[in-house]
N, C-alpha and C. Protein backbone atom coordinates (compact mmCIF):
# COMPACT_ATOMS: atom_id res chain seq x y z
N MET A 1 -109.98 -22.99 57.08
CA MET A 1 -110.57 -22.30 55.95
C MET A 1 -109.79 -22.63 54.67
N PRO A 2 -110.48 -22.97 53.59
CA PRO A 2 -109.79 -23.20 52.32
C PRO A 2 -109.31 -21.88 51.72
N SER A 3 -108.26 -21.98 50.94
CA SER A 3 -107.75 -20.76 50.30
C SER A 3 -108.70 -20.31 49.20
N SER A 4 -108.71 -19.03 48.94
CA SER A 4 -109.64 -18.49 47.95
C SER A 4 -108.95 -18.21 46.61
N GLY A 5 -107.82 -18.84 46.35
CA GLY A 5 -107.10 -18.61 45.11
C GLY A 5 -107.76 -19.25 43.90
N GLY A 6 -108.56 -20.26 44.12
CA GLY A 6 -109.27 -20.89 43.02
C GLY A 6 -108.36 -21.67 42.08
N GLY A 7 -107.18 -22.04 42.51
CA GLY A 7 -106.27 -22.80 41.68
C GLY A 7 -105.54 -21.98 40.64
N LEU A 8 -105.59 -20.67 40.74
CA LEU A 8 -104.91 -19.82 39.77
C LEU A 8 -103.42 -19.77 40.08
N VAL A 9 -102.62 -19.83 39.04
CA VAL A 9 -101.16 -19.77 39.18
C VAL A 9 -100.67 -18.51 38.49
N ARG A 10 -99.81 -17.79 39.15
CA ARG A 10 -99.26 -16.55 38.57
C ARG A 10 -97.87 -16.85 38.02
N TYR A 11 -97.82 -17.10 36.71
CA TYR A 11 -96.56 -17.51 36.08
C TYR A 11 -95.57 -16.36 35.95
N PHE A 12 -96.05 -15.12 35.87
CA PHE A 12 -95.13 -14.01 35.66
C PHE A 12 -94.23 -13.79 36.87
N ASP A 13 -94.61 -14.30 38.04
CA ASP A 13 -93.75 -14.19 39.21
C ASP A 13 -92.60 -15.19 39.15
N GLU A 14 -92.81 -16.29 38.44
CA GLU A 14 -91.82 -17.37 38.42
C GLU A 14 -90.84 -17.25 37.26
N TYR A 15 -91.21 -16.54 36.20
CA TYR A 15 -90.40 -16.51 34.99
C TYR A 15 -89.60 -15.22 34.91
N LYS A 16 -88.30 -15.35 34.70
CA LYS A 16 -87.43 -14.20 34.48
C LYS A 16 -86.70 -14.43 33.16
N SER A 17 -86.85 -13.49 32.23
CA SER A 17 -86.22 -13.61 30.93
C SER A 17 -84.74 -13.26 31.02
N ARG A 18 -83.95 -13.93 30.19
CA ARG A 18 -82.52 -13.60 30.12
C ARG A 18 -82.29 -12.34 29.31
N VAL A 19 -83.18 -12.09 28.35
CA VAL A 19 -83.04 -10.93 27.47
C VAL A 19 -83.97 -9.84 27.98
N VAL A 20 -83.39 -8.71 28.35
CA VAL A 20 -84.19 -7.58 28.81
C VAL A 20 -83.95 -6.42 27.86
N ILE A 21 -85.02 -5.93 27.24
CA ILE A 21 -84.91 -4.82 26.29
C ILE A 21 -85.54 -3.60 26.93
N LYS A 22 -84.77 -2.55 27.00
CA LYS A 22 -85.27 -1.31 27.58
C LYS A 22 -86.14 -0.58 26.57
N PRO A 23 -87.13 0.17 27.03
CA PRO A 23 -87.99 0.91 26.10
C PRO A 23 -87.22 1.89 25.22
N LEU A 24 -86.16 2.50 25.74
CA LEU A 24 -85.37 3.43 24.95
C LEU A 24 -84.72 2.72 23.77
N HIS A 25 -84.27 1.50 23.96
CA HIS A 25 -83.66 0.74 22.86
C HIS A 25 -84.68 0.44 21.78
N VAL A 26 -85.91 0.16 22.16
CA VAL A 26 -86.96 -0.10 21.17
C VAL A 26 -87.24 1.16 20.35
N ILE A 27 -87.30 2.31 21.02
CA ILE A 27 -87.56 3.57 20.32
C ILE A 27 -86.43 3.88 19.35
N ILE A 28 -85.19 3.67 19.77
CA ILE A 28 -84.03 3.92 18.90
C ILE A 28 -84.07 2.98 17.69
N LEU A 29 -84.40 1.72 17.91
CA LEU A 29 -84.48 0.75 16.82
C LEU A 29 -85.57 1.14 15.82
N ILE A 30 -86.71 1.57 16.31
CA ILE A 30 -87.78 2.01 15.41
C ILE A 30 -87.33 3.22 14.61
N GLY A 31 -86.64 4.16 15.24
CA GLY A 31 -86.13 5.33 14.53
C GLY A 31 -85.16 4.95 13.43
N ILE A 32 -84.28 3.99 13.71
CA ILE A 32 -83.32 3.54 12.70
C ILE A 32 -84.04 2.89 11.52
N VAL A 33 -85.05 2.08 11.81
CA VAL A 33 -85.81 1.43 10.73
C VAL A 33 -86.52 2.48 9.88
N ILE A 34 -87.10 3.50 10.51
CA ILE A 34 -87.78 4.56 9.75
C ILE A 34 -86.79 5.30 8.86
N ILE A 35 -85.61 5.59 9.36
CA ILE A 35 -84.59 6.28 8.57
C ILE A 35 -84.16 5.43 7.37
N ILE A 36 -84.00 4.14 7.58
CA ILE A 36 -83.63 3.24 6.48
C ILE A 36 -84.73 3.20 5.43
N ILE A 37 -85.99 3.12 5.86
CA ILE A 37 -87.10 3.10 4.91
C ILE A 37 -87.16 4.39 4.11
N LEU A 38 -86.99 5.53 4.78
CA LEU A 38 -87.01 6.82 4.08
C LEU A 38 -85.85 6.93 3.09
N ALA A 39 -84.69 6.43 3.47
CA ALA A 39 -83.53 6.47 2.58
C ALA A 39 -83.77 5.59 1.35
N LEU A 40 -84.38 4.44 1.53
CA LEU A 40 -84.67 3.56 0.40
C LEU A 40 -85.71 4.19 -0.52
N HIS A 41 -86.71 4.85 0.03
CA HIS A 41 -87.70 5.53 -0.81
C HIS A 41 -87.08 6.69 -1.56
N ALA A 42 -86.15 7.40 -0.95
CA ALA A 42 -85.49 8.53 -1.60
C ALA A 42 -84.64 8.05 -2.79
N ARG A 43 -84.07 6.86 -2.66
CA ARG A 43 -83.25 6.30 -3.75
C ARG A 43 -84.11 5.65 -4.81
N GLY A 44 -85.39 5.47 -4.55
CA GLY A 44 -86.28 4.86 -5.53
C GLY A 44 -86.25 3.36 -5.54
N VAL A 45 -85.87 2.77 -4.45
CA VAL A 45 -85.81 1.31 -4.37
C VAL A 45 -87.16 0.76 -3.99
């Protein structure tokens, strides 16, 4: 019986990134950017 994969390759199984960013770090970074923007608006920049 031939395989039923249809020639599809699943690349996400083969690739592992060296840089892993946790969701908490992204949220913290967004918070820091928002604080910087608010501080710049408060100073009138």
